[in-house]
């Protein structure tokens, strides 16, 4: 069984994010952690919505 958790940086109130664009106000995507509850293996993911944003930015 797998479960998705939100990630955090050193400052507990800020989630871990990918920087998608450059500039003063870059677009970002939150990184989520998917944990396999049987093995303890952790995989980092982005939401389906953020994945669509990433694909759009790459196509530009």
Protein backbone atom coordinates (compact mmCIF):
# COMPACT_ATOMS: atom_id res chain seq x y z
CA UNK A 1 0.00 0.00 0.00
CA UNK A 2 1.24 3.49 -0.85
CA UNK A 3 0.35 6.83 0.68
CA UNK A 4 1.14 10.38 -0.49
CA UNK A 5 2.51 12.95 1.96
CA UNK A 6 3.27 16.65 1.60
CA UNK A 7 6.95 17.58 1.83
CA UNK A 8 8.52 20.39 3.86
CA UNK A 9 11.75 22.36 3.78
CA UNK A 10 13.76 23.26 6.89
CA UNK A 11 11.14 25.89 7.64
CA UNK A 12 8.16 23.64 8.50
CA UNK A 13 5.62 25.99 6.91
CA UNK A 14 7.17 25.98 3.41
CA UNK A 15 6.62 23.01 1.07
CA UNK A 16 9.38 21.68 -1.17
CA UNK A 17 8.88 23.00 -4.73
CA UNK A 18 10.31 22.72 -8.22
CA UNK A 19 11.11 26.00 -9.94
CA UNK A 20 9.52 25.78 -13.42
CA UNK A 21 10.29 29.23 -14.85
CA UNK A 22 12.81 32.00 -14.30
CA UNK A 23 12.15 35.54 -13.24
CA UNK A 24 11.01 37.55 -10.25
CA UNK A 25 7.85 35.45 -9.71
CA UNK A 26 8.66 31.99 -11.10
CA UNK A 27 6.01 29.33 -11.61
CA UNK A 28 6.51 26.41 -9.23
CA UNK A 29 5.19 22.89 -8.62
CA UNK A 30 4.88 21.36 -5.17
CA UNK A 31 6.82 18.13 -4.63
CA UNK A 32 4.91 15.30 -2.94
CA UNK A 33 6.37 12.17 -1.35
CA UNK A 34 4.76 8.80 -2.11
CA UNK A 35 5.70 6.27 0.60
CA UNK A 36 5.39 2.51 0.16
CA UNK A 37 4.13 1.52 3.61
CA UNK A 38 5.47 -2.03 3.30
CA UNK A 39 9.06 -1.33 2.18
CA UNK A 40 9.59 2.28 3.29
CA UNK A 41 10.61 3.27 -0.25
CA UNK A 42 9.97 6.97 -0.97
CA UNK A 43 9.28 8.35 -4.45
CA UNK A 44 8.95 12.07 -5.17
CA UNK A 45 6.05 13.15 -7.40
CA UNK A 46 4.11 16.19 -8.56
CA UNK A 47 0.33 16.39 -8.87
CA UNK A 48 -1.38 15.73 -12.21
CA UNK A 49 -2.27 19.44 -12.41
CA UNK A 50 1.36 20.50 -11.86
CA UNK A 51 2.55 17.87 -14.36
CA UNK A 52 0.35 19.52 -17.01
CA UNK A 53 1.96 22.91 -16.18
CA UNK A 54 5.43 21.39 -16.51
CA UNK A 55 4.59 19.88 -19.91
CA UNK A 56 3.17 23.22 -21.12
CA UNK A 57 6.32 25.08 -20.05
CA UNK A 58 8.54 22.55 -21.84
CA UNK A 59 6.55 22.84 -25.08
CA UNK A 60 6.97 26.64 -25.19
